[in-house]
Amino acid sequence: MRDIYAHVLEMLRAGEKGVLVTIIEVSGSAPRHPGSKMVVHPDGRIFASIGGGKLEADVTSSASQIFGASGPVQRTYQLTEDEGMWCGGSVKILFEPFGQQERLIVFGAGHIGQALSPLAAKAGFRVTVVDNRSEYASRDRFPDADDVIAGEYSHNLSHLEFDPQTYIVIVTHGHKHDEEILSYCIHQPFAYLGVIGSKNKTRTMMKHLQERGVDPNRLARIHSPIGLKIGAETPFEIAVSILAEMIAVKRGVSVDALSMNLP
């Protein structure tokens, strides 16, 4: 048991993700007892064992689908001949994904980006800040960020990695930059994509993206004007509204439903 938790700790320290698998209930005959554990890596490798054979292969396959889950998942496996197993019992398995820290990329190191970065870090996001002005994109201004990148947006965009767990906030110092970044990011995988701006600016950007043939379903995922409607005015208040909207998306709460109850 100690070896399992030591292995998980080692993976977390290395910034790796995995799934901790535990047998939590057994009915009838089964290869191992409740409390038996193993760890599944993203590439399918396992550490320890819950009994081997087809059950372990099926559980490993299931774990590969659970890496992106927001919390623990339970599944029951029948150990019957119909399922290719001969034990005759059933096993309930708990899958606990770990190392699933979402990443936030903030384009724009101005006042809003500077206010959002430490808030997002405290909320559990790995924060990357990107700006084309080296005097703004500095470690001194963003001590809580994991990465601070200075340089032309057109260059840095192609060097960034995006996945379904990526949150994107675009708050640069110019409409041209915002639209350039949005035009690139809309084609990347993401969990959240928000752009600062007025309703008029939003309509203009959406029109330009439509003219370029962007799928309307992807356009519908853009959050702009950005943030929940809480009457925010200061950079800190705007950062709070943005983070609140990101958390709502992360937790699967309808942003539209929240907005209906806010001024």
C-alpha atoms as a PDB file:
ATOM      1  CA  MET A   1       0.000   0.000   0.000  1.00  0.00           C
ATOM      2  CA  ARG A   2       2.809   2.398   0.837  1.00  0.00           C
ATOM      3  CA  ASP A   3       4.404   1.665  -2.525  1.00  0.00           C
ATOM      4  CA  ILE A   4       1.185   2.693  -4.321  1.00  0.00           C
ATOM      5  CA  TYR A   5       0.933   6.058  -2.576  1.00  0.00           C
ATOM      6  CA  ALA A   6       4.658   6.677  -2.970  1.00  0.00           C
ATOM      7  CA  HIS A   7       4.251   6.034  -6.704  1.00  0.00           C
ATOM      8  CA  VAL A   8       1.326   8.470  -6.934  1.00  0.00           C
ATOM      9  CA  LEU A   9       3.325  11.115  -5.047  1.00  0.00           C
ATOM     10  CA  GLU A  10       6.281  10.605  -7.374  1.00  0.00           C
ATOM     11  CA  MET A  11       4.005  11.086 -10.410  1.00  0.00           C
ATOM     12  CA  LEU A  12       2.471  14.244  -8.957  1.00  0.00           C
ATOM     13  CA  ARG A  13       5.888  15.726  -8.240  1.00  0.00           C
ATOM     14  CA  ALA A  14       6.867  14.982 -11.846  1.00  0.00           C
ATOM     15  CA  GLY A  15       3.747  16.743 -13.135  1.00  0.00           C
ATOM     16  CA  GLU A  16       2.276  13.502 -14.483  1.00  0.00           C
ATOM     17  CA  LYS A  17      -1.363  12.463 -14.466  1.00  0.00           C
ATOM     18  CA  GLY A  18      -2.805   9.025 -13.783  1.00  0.00           C
ATOM     19  CA  VAL A  19      -5.736   7.090 -12.391  1.00  0.00           C
ATOM     20  CA  LEU A  20      -5.696   5.345  -9.022  1.00  0.00           C
ATOM     21  CA  VAL A  21      -7.830   2.183  -9.269  1.00  0.00           C
ATOM     22  CA  THR A  22      -9.284   0.560  -6.132  1.00  0.00           C
ATOM     23  CA  ILE A  23     -11.483  -2.499  -5.627  1.00  0.00           C
ATOM     24  CA  ILE A  24     -14.141  -1.215  -3.227  1.00  0.00           C
ATOM     25  CA  GLU A  25     -16.638  -4.086  -3.230  1.00  0.00           C
ATOM     26  CA  VAL A  26     -16.599  -7.781  -4.156  1.00  0.00           C
ATOM     27  CA  SER A  27     -19.579 -10.111  -4.564  1.00  0.00           C
ATOM     28  CA  GLY A  28     -18.936 -13.827  -4.947  1.00  0.00           C
ATOM     29  CA  SER A  29     -15.605 -15.066  -6.234  1.00  0.00           C
ATOM     30  CA  ALA A  30     -13.044 -12.504  -7.438  1.00  0.00           C
ATOM     31  CA  PRO A  31      -9.255 -12.480  -8.007  1.00  0.00           C
ATOM     32  CA  ARG A  32      -8.506  -9.961  -5.247  1.00  0.00           C
ATOM     33  CA  HIS A  33     -10.080  -8.442  -2.142  1.00  0.00           C
ATOM     34  CA  PRO A  34     -11.502  -4.947  -1.476  1.00  0.00           C
ATOM     35  CA  GLY A  35      -8.773  -2.375  -0.974  1.00  0.00           C
ATOM     36  CA  SER A  36      -6.537  -3.808  -3.692  1.00  0.00           C
ATOM     37  CA  LYS A  37      -5.096  -0.992  -5.805  1.00  0.00           C
ATOM     38  CA  MET A  38      -3.152  -0.210  -8.931  1.00  0.00           C
ATOM     39  CA  VAL A  39      -2.160   2.920 -10.868  1.00  0.00           C
ATOM     40  CA  VAL A  40      -2.817   3.344 -14.593  1.00  0.00           C
ATOM     41  CA  HIS A  41      -0.578   5.677 -16.620  1.00  0.00           C
ATOM     42  CA  PRO A  42      -1.819   7.593 -19.699  1.00  0.00           C
ATOM     43  CA  ASP A  43       0.155   5.268 -21.984  1.00  0.00           C
ATOM     44  CA  GLY A  44      -1.545   2.174 -20.527  1.00  0.00           C
ATOM     45  CA  ARG A  45       1.289   1.103 -18.237  1.00  0.00           C
ATOM     46  CA  ILE A  46       0.211  -0.087 -14.805  1.00  0.00           C
ATOM     47  CA  PHE A  47       1.837  -0.089 -11.383  1.00  0.00           C
ATOM     48  CA  ALA A  48       0.804  -2.931  -9.007  1.00  0.00           C
ATOM     49  CA  SER A  49      -2.173  -5.169  -9.800  1.00  0.00           C
ATOM     50  CA  ILE A  50      -5.829  -5.838  -9.022  1.00  0.00           C
ATOM     51  CA  GLY A  51      -5.632  -9.478 -10.109  1.00  0.00           C
ATOM     52  CA  GLY A  52      -4.487  -9.645 -13.709  1.00  0.00           C
ATOM     53  CA  GLY A  53      -6.375 -11.304 -16.521  1.00  0.00           C
ATOM     54  CA  LYS A  54      -9.335  -9.893 -18.422  1.00  0.00           C
ATOM     55  CA  LEU A  55     -10.640  -7.894 -15.438  1.00  0.00           C
ATOM     56  CA  GLU A  56      -7.378  -5.971 -15.169  1.00  0.00           C
ATOM     57  CA  ALA A  57      -7.286  -5.437 -18.945  1.00  0.00           C
ATOM     58  CA  ASP A  58     -10.876  -4.146 -18.950  1.00  0.00           C
ATOM     59  CA  VAL A  59     -10.225  -1.853 -15.989  1.00  0.00           C
ATOM     60  CA  THR A  60      -7.070  -0.490 -17.627  1.00  0.00           C
ATOM     61  CA  SER A  61      -9.066   0.224 -20.779  1.00  0.00           C
ATOM     62  CA  SER A  62     -11.753   1.990 -18.736  1.00  0.00           C
ATOM     63  CA  ALA A  63      -9.130   4.082 -16.937  1.00  0.00           C
ATOM     64  CA  SER A  64      -7.868   5.399 -20.288  1.00  0.00           C
ATOM     65  CA  GLN A  65     -11.299   7.011 -20.772  1.00  0.00           C
ATOM     66  CA  ILE A  66     -11.352   8.575 -17.304  1.00  0.00           C
ATOM     67  CA  PHE A  67      -8.176  10.704 -17.340  1.00  0.00           C
ATOM     68  CA  GLY A  68     -10.224  13.808 -18.140  1.00  0.00           C
ATOM     69  CA  ALA A  69     -12.927  13.171 -15.535  1.00  0.00           C
ATOM     70  CA  SER A  70     -13.530  15.945 -12.997  1.00  0.00           C
ATOM     71  CA  GLY A  71     -13.855  13.507 -10.086  1.00  0.00           C
ATOM     72  CA  PRO A  72     -14.008   9.853  -8.988  1.00  0.00           C
ATOM     73  CA  VAL A  73     -15.928   7.346 -11.119  1.00  0.00           C
ATOM     74  CA  GLN A  74     -17.381   3.968 -10.063  1.00  0.00           C
ATOM     75  CA  ARG A  75     -17.980   1.003 -12.336  1.00  0.00           C
ATOM     76  CA  THR A  76     -19.061  -2.592 -11.725  1.00  0.00           C
ATOM     77  CA  TYR A  77     -17.628  -5.554 -13.630  1.00  0.00           C
ATOM     78  CA  GLN A  78     -19.335  -8.918 -13.895  1.00  0.00           C
ATOM     79  CA  LEU A  79     -16.898 -11.838 -13.721  1.00  0.00           C
ATOM     80  CA  THR A  80     -19.087 -14.204 -15.713  1.00  0.00           C
ATOM     81  CA  GLU A  81     -18.490 -16.570 -18.592  1.00  0.00           C
ATOM     82  CA  ASP A  82     -20.457 -14.248 -20.875  1.00  0.00           C
ATOM     83  CA  GLU A  83     -17.874 -11.568 -20.114  1.00  0.00           C
ATOM     84  CA  GLY A  84     -14.973 -13.934 -20.756  1.00  0.00           C
ATOM     85  CA  MET A  85     -14.237 -14.585 -17.069  1.00  0.00           C
ATOM     86  CA  TRP A  86     -14.838 -17.639 -14.923  1.00  0.00           C
ATOM     87  CA  CYS A  87     -14.821 -16.361 -11.325  1.00  0.00           C
ATOM     88  CA  GLY A  88     -18.593 -15.934 -11.268  1.00  0.00           C
ATOM     89  CA  GLY A  89     -18.717 -12.898  -9.006  1.00  0.00           C
ATOM     90  CA  SER A  90     -18.722  -9.139  -9.511  1.00  0.00           C
ATOM     91  CA  VAL A  91     -16.320  -6.359  -8.619  1.00  0.00           C
ATOM     92  CA  LYS A  92     -17.023  -2.678  -8.015  1.00  0.00           C
ATOM     93  CA  ILE A  93     -14.104  -0.445  -8.950  1.00  0.00           C
ATOM     94  CA  LEU A  94     -13.365   3.144  -7.905  1.00  0.00           C
ATOM     95  CA  PHE A  95     -11.383   5.214 -10.429  1.00  0.00           C
ATOM     96  CA  GLU A  96      -9.711   8.340  -8.998  1.00  0.00           C
ATOM     97  CA  PRO A  97      -7.994  10.548 -11.608  1.00  0.00           C
ATOM     98  CA  PHE A  98      -5.133  12.654 -10.265  1.00  0.00           C
ATOM     99  CA  GLY A  99      -2.795  15.262 -11.671  1.00  0.00           C
ATOM    100  CA  GLN A 100      -5.701  16.696 -13.691  1.00  0.00           C
ATOM    101  CA  GLN A 101      -4.752  20.331 -13.178  1.00  0.00           C
ATOM    102  CA  GLU A 102      -6.334  22.578 -15.794  1.00  0.00           C
ATOM    103  CA  ARG A 103      -4.145  25.022 -17.653  1.00  0.00           C
ATOM    104  CA  LEU A 104      -5.008  28.688 -18.157  1.00  0.00           C
ATOM    105  CA  ILE A 105      -3.349  30.689 -20.928  1.00  0.00           C
ATOM    106  CA  VAL A 106      -3.750  34.428 -20.440  1.00  0.00           C
ATOM    107  CA  PHE A 107      -2.998  36.492 -23.526  1.00  0.00           C
ATOM    108  CA  GLY A 108      -2.286  39.985 -22.250  1.00  0.00           C
ATOM    109  CA  ALA A 109      -0.095  40.968 -19.313  1.00  0.00           C
ATOM    110  CA  GLY A 110      -1.879  44.233 -18.512  1.00  0.00           C
ATOM    111  CA  HIS A 111      -3.897  45.089 -15.428  1.00  0.00           C
ATOM    112  CA  ILE A 112      -6.581  42.416 -15.905  1.00  0.00           C
ATOM    113  CA  GLY A 113      -4.076  39.667 -16.710  1.00  0.00           C
ATOM    114  CA  GLN A 114      -2.015  40.656 -13.688  1.00  0.00           C
ATOM    115  CA  ALA A 115      -5.080  40.500 -11.430  1.00  0.00           C
ATOM    116  CA  LEU A 116      -6.321  37.203 -12.893  1.00  0.00           C
ATOM    117  CA  SER A 117      -3.069  35.247 -12.721  1.00  0.00           C
ATOM    118  CA  PRO A 118      -2.748  34.917  -8.894  1.00  0.00           C
ATOM    119  CA  LEU A 119      -6.494  34.319  -8.502  1.00  0.00           C
ATOM    120  CA  ALA A 120      -6.446  31.503 -11.059  1.00  0.00           C
ATOM    121  CA  ALA A 121      -3.335  29.980  -9.493  1.00  0.00           C
ATOM    122  CA  LYS A 122      -5.060  29.898  -6.100  1.00  0.00           C
ATOM    123  CA  ALA A 123      -8.054  28.213  -7.771  1.00  0.00           C
ATOM    124  CA  GLY A 124      -5.788  25.399  -8.967  1.00  0.00           C
ATOM    125  CA  PHE A 125      -4.983  26.429 -12.543  1.00  0.00           C
ATOM    126  CA  ARG A 126      -1.502  26.193 -14.050  1.00  0.00           C
ATOM    127  CA  VAL A 127      -1.103  29.690 -15.457  1.00  0.00           C
ATOM    128  CA  THR A 128       0.786  30.742 -18.589  1.00  0.00           C
ATOM    129  CA  VAL A 129       0.930  34.449 -19.424  1.00  0.00           C
ATOM    130  CA  VAL A 130       1.770  35.631 -22.952  1.00  0.00           C
ATOM    131  CA  ASP A 131       2.361  39.218 -24.099  1.00  0.00           C
ATOM    132  CA  ASN A 132       4.239  40.857 -26.961  1.00  0.00           C
ATOM    133  CA  ARG A 133       5.708  43.456 -24.578  1.00  0.00           C
ATOM    134  CA  SER A 134       8.711  42.217 -22.618  1.00  0.00           C
ATOM    135  CA  GLU A 135       8.355  44.999 -20.040  1.00  0.00           C
ATOM    136  CA  TYR A 136       4.910  43.614 -19.150  1.00  0.00           C
ATOM    137  CA  ALA A 137       5.527  39.872 -19.512  1.00  0.00           C
ATOM    138  CA  SER A 138       8.031  39.543 -16.689  1.00  0.00           C
ATOM    139  CA  ARG A 139       8.445  37.203 -13.733  1.00  0.00           C
ATOM    140  CA  ASP A 140       8.426  40.202 -11.370  1.00  0.00           C
ATOM    141  CA  ARG A 141       4.879  41.077 -12.445  1.00  0.00           C
ATOM    142  CA  PHE A 142       3.667  37.452 -12.471  1.00  0.00           C
ATOM    143  CA  PRO A 143       5.319  35.557  -9.600  1.00  0.00           C
ATOM    144  CA  ASP A 144       2.385  33.120  -9.349  1.00  0.00           C
ATOM    145  CA  ALA A 145       2.419  32.100 -13.026  1.00  0.00           C
ATOM    146  CA  ASP A 146       4.012  28.823 -14.115  1.00  0.00           C
ATOM    147  CA  ASP A 147       5.228  30.343 -17.378  1.00  0.00           C
ATOM    148  CA  VAL A 148       5.631  33.920 -18.584  1.00  0.00           C
ATOM    149  CA  ILE A 149       6.285  34.311 -22.308  1.00  0.00           C
ATOM    150  CA  ALA A 150       7.284  37.516 -24.092  1.00  0.00           C
ATOM    151  CA  GLY A 151       7.349  37.920 -27.863  1.00  0.00           C
ATOM    152  CA  GLU A 152       5.173  38.355 -30.914  1.00  0.00           C
ATOM    153  CA  TYR A 153       1.837  36.600 -30.649  1.00  0.00           C
ATOM    154  CA  SER A 154       2.073  35.215 -34.188  1.00  0.00           C
ATOM    155  CA  HIS A 155       5.278  33.412 -33.195  1.00  0.00           C
ATOM    156  CA  ASN A 156       4.253  32.195 -29.748  1.00  0.00           C
ATOM    157  CA  LEU A 157       0.829  30.884 -30.735  1.00  0.00           C
ATOM    158  CA  SER A 158       2.303  28.055 -32.789  1.00  0.00           C
ATOM    159  CA  HIS A 159       4.595  27.052 -29.910  1.00  0.00           C
ATOM    160  CA  LEU A 160       1.826  26.703 -27.318  1.00  0.00           C
ATOM    161  CA  GLU A 161       0.078  23.413 -26.579  1.00  0.00           C
ATOM    162  CA  PHE A 162      -3.721  23.216 -26.351  1.00  0.00           C
ATOM    163  CA  ASP A 163      -5.902  20.347 -25.146  1.00  0.00           C
ATOM    164  CA  PRO A 164      -9.503  19.848 -23.947  1.00  0.00           C
ATOM    165  CA  GLN A 165      -8.419  20.953 -20.442  1.00  0.00           C
ATOM    166  CA  THR A 166      -7.050  24.325 -21.656  1.00  0.00           C
ATOM    167  CA  TYR A 167      -8.714  27.570 -20.561  1.00  0.00           C
ATOM    168  CA  ILE A 168      -7.973  30.625 -22.699  1.00  0.00           C
ATOM    169  CA  VAL A 169      -8.444  34.273 -21.727  1.00  0.00           C
ATOM    170  CA  ILE A 170      -7.708  36.988 -24.296  1.00  0.00           C
ATOM    171  CA  VAL A 171      -7.202  40.430 -22.725  1.00  0.00           C
ATOM    172  CA  THR A 172      -4.495  42.111 -24.802  1.00  0.00           C
ATOM    173  CA  HIS A 173      -3.953  45.858 -25.269  1.00  0.00           C
ATOM    174  CA  GLY A 174      -5.376  45.979 -28.801  1.00  0.00           C
ATOM    175  CA  HIS A 175      -8.403  44.767 -30.784  1.00  0.00           C
ATOM    176  CA  LYS A 176      -6.121  43.618 -33.590  1.00  0.00           C
ATOM    177  CA  HIS A 177      -4.178  41.351 -31.251  1.00  0.00           C
ATOM    178  CA  ASP A 178      -7.384  40.006 -29.675  1.00  0.00           C
ATOM    179  CA  GLU A 179      -8.806  39.045 -33.063  1.00  0.00           C
ATOM    180  CA  GLU A 180      -5.531  37.522 -34.266  1.00  0.00           C
ATOM    181  CA  ILE A 181      -5.326  35.318 -31.166  1.00  0.00           C
ATOM    182  CA  LEU A 182      -9.024  34.430 -31.240  1.00  0.00           C
ATOM    183  CA  SER A 183      -8.802  33.439 -34.920  1.00  0.00           C
ATOM    184  CA  TYR A 184      -6.057  30.961 -34.008  1.00  0.00           C
ATOM    185  CA  CYS A 185      -7.449  29.648 -30.721  1.00  0.00           C
ATOM    186  CA  ILE A 186     -10.945  28.969 -32.060  1.00  0.00           C
ATOM    187  CA  HIS A 187      -9.456  26.111 -34.094  1.00  0.00           C
ATOM    188  CA  GLN A 188      -7.650  24.571 -31.085  1.00  0.00           C
ATOM    189  CA  PRO A 189      -9.072  22.198 -28.462  1.00  0.00           C
ATOM    190  CA  PHE A 190     -10.146  24.061 -25.319  1.00  0.00           C
ATOM    191  CA  ALA A 191     -12.452  23.930 -22.301  1.00  0.00           C
ATOM    192  CA  TYR A 192     -13.037  27.678 -22.150  1.00  0.00           C
ATOM    193  CA  LEU A 193     -12.315  30.580 -24.505  1.00  0.00           C
ATOM    194  CA  GLY A 194     -13.084  34.136 -23.399  1.00  0.00           C
ATOM    195  CA  VAL A 195     -12.330  37.478 -25.046  1.00  0.00           C
ATOM    196  CA  ILE A 196     -12.478  40.937 -23.474  1.00  0.00           C
ATOM    197  CA  GLY A 197     -14.570  43.555 -25.247  1.00  0.00           C
ATOM    198  CA  SER A 198     -17.878  45.334 -25.672  1.00  0.00           C
ATOM    199  CA  LYS A 199     -20.935  43.812 -27.326  1.00  0.00           C
ATOM    200  CA  ASN A 200     -20.153  45.790 -30.475  1.00  0.00           C
ATOM    201  CA  LYS A 201     -16.577  44.463 -30.588  1.00  0.00           C
ATOM    202  CA  THR A 202     -17.892  40.951 -30.039  1.00  0.00           C
ATOM    203  CA  ARG A 203     -20.350  41.250 -32.923  1.00  0.00           C
ATOM    204  CA  THR A 204     -17.588  42.492 -35.212  1.00  0.00           C
ATOM    205  CA  MET A 205     -15.213  39.647 -34.318  1.00  0.00           C
ATOM    206  CA  MET A 206     -17.963  37.048 -34.688  1.00  0.00           C
ATOM    207  CA  LYS A 207     -18.868  38.460 -38.112  1.00  0.00           C
ATOM    208  CA  HIS A 208     -15.248  38.214 -39.260  1.00  0.00           C
ATOM    209  CA  LEU A 209     -14.976  34.609 -38.034  1.00  0.00           C
ATOM    210  CA  GLN A 210     -18.242  33.684 -39.759  1.00  0.00           C
ATOM    211  CA  GLU A 211     -16.919  35.175 -43.001  1.00  0.00           C
ATOM    212  CA  ARG A 212     -13.868  32.931 -42.649  1.00  0.00           C
ATOM    213  CA  GLY A 213     -16.111  29.873 -42.425  1.00  0.00           C
ATOM    214  CA  VAL A 214     -15.704  29.042 -38.744  1.00  0.00           C
ATOM    215  CA  ASP A 215     -18.221  26.431 -37.576  1.00  0.00           C
ATOM    216  CA  PRO A 216     -21.164  28.173 -35.795  1.00  0.00           C
ATOM    217  CA  ASN A 217     -21.006  25.520 -33.044  1.00  0.00           C
ATOM    218  CA  ARG A 218     -17.475  26.610 -32.215  1.00  0.00           C
ATOM    219  CA  LEU A 219     -18.448  30.288 -32.322  1.00  0.00           C
ATOM    220  CA  ALA A 220     -21.166  29.543 -29.770  1.00  0.00           C
ATOM    221  CA  ARG A 221     -18.498  28.411 -27.299  1.00  0.00           C
ATOM    222  CA  ILE A 222     -16.801  31.823 -27.188  1.00  0.00           C
ATOM    223  CA  HIS A 223     -17.433  33.827 -24.008  1.00  0.00           C
ATOM    224  CA  SER A 224     -17.539  37.473 -25.033  1.00  0.00           C
ATOM    225  CA  PRO A 225     -18.122  39.900 -23.445  1.00  0.00           C
ATOM    226  CA  ILE A 226     -16.061  37.933 -20.980  1.00  0.00           C
ATOM    227  CA  GLY A 227     -16.967  37.165 -17.364  1.00  0.00           C
ATOM    228  CA  LEU A 228     -20.160  36.848 -15.371  1.00  0.00           C
ATOM    229  CA  LYS A 229     -22.342  39.942 -15.212  1.00  0.00           C
ATOM    230  CA  ILE A 230     -21.619  41.193 -11.702  1.00  0.00           C
ATOM    231  CA  GLY A 231     -21.199  44.867 -12.555  1.00  0.00           C
ATOM    232  CA  ALA A 232     -17.405  44.574 -12.474  1.00  0.00           C
ATOM    233  CA  GLU A 233     -15.444  47.762 -13.175  1.00  0.00           C
ATOM    234  CA  THR A 234     -11.921  47.514 -11.722  1.00  0.00           C
ATOM    235  CA  PRO A 235      -9.299  45.082 -13.095  1.00  0.00           C
ATOM    236  CA  PHE A 236      -9.619  42.988  -9.930  1.00  0.00           C
ATOM    237  CA  GLU A 237     -13.410  42.850 -10.177  1.00  0.00           C
ATOM    238  CA  ILE A 238     -13.210  41.918 -13.864  1.00  0.00           C
ATOM    239  CA  ALA A 239     -10.676  39.188 -13.002  1.00  0.00           C
ATOM    240  CA  VAL A 240     -13.069  37.823 -10.367  1.00  0.00           C
ATOM    241  CA  SER A 241     -15.916  37.743 -12.894  1.00  0.00           C
ATOM    242  CA  ILE A 242     -13.720  35.919 -15.425  1.00  0.00           C
ATOM    243  CA  LEU A 243     -12.531  33.347 -12.896  1.00  0.00           C
ATOM    244  CA  ALA A 244     -16.126  32.807 -11.728  1.00  0.00           C
ATOM    245  CA  GLU A 245     -17.177  32.107 -15.323  1.00  0.00           C
ATOM    246  CA  MET A 246     -14.260  29.689 -15.776  1.00  0.00           C
ATOM    247  CA  ILE A 247     -15.186  27.822 -12.587  1.00  0.00           C
ATOM    248  CA  ALA A 248     -18.810  27.577 -13.744  1.00  0.00           C
ATOM    249  CA  VAL A 249     -17.637  25.992 -17.006  1.00  0.00           C
ATOM    250  CA  LYS A 250     -15.300  23.672 -15.120  1.00  0.00           C
ATOM    251  CA  ARG A 251     -18.112  22.501 -12.830  1.00  0.00           C
ATOM    252  CA  GLY A 252     -20.624  22.123 -15.648  1.00  0.00           C
ATOM    253  CA  VAL A 253     -22.871  24.958 -14.476  1.00  0.00           C
ATOM    254  CA  SER A 254     -24.827  26.839 -17.150  1.00  0.00           C
ATOM    255  CA  VAL A 255     -23.343  30.322 -17.485  1.00  0.00           C
ATOM    256  CA  ASP A 256     -26.560  31.538 -19.132  1.00  0.00           C
ATOM    257  CA  ALA A 257     -28.570  30.386 -16.116  1.00  0.00           C
ATOM    258  CA  LEU A 258     -26.220  32.248 -13.773  1.00  0.00           C
ATOM    259  CA  SER A 259     -26.357  35.417 -15.860  1.00  0.00           C
ATOM    260  CA  MET A 260     -30.162  35.460 -15.714  1.00  0.00           C
ATOM    261  CA  ASN A 261     -29.977  35.930 -11.941  1.00  0.00           C
ATOM    262  CA  LEU A 262     -27.359  38.676 -12.007  1.00  0.00           C
ATOM    263  CA  PRO A 263     -27.713  42.407 -12.692  1.00  0.00           C
END
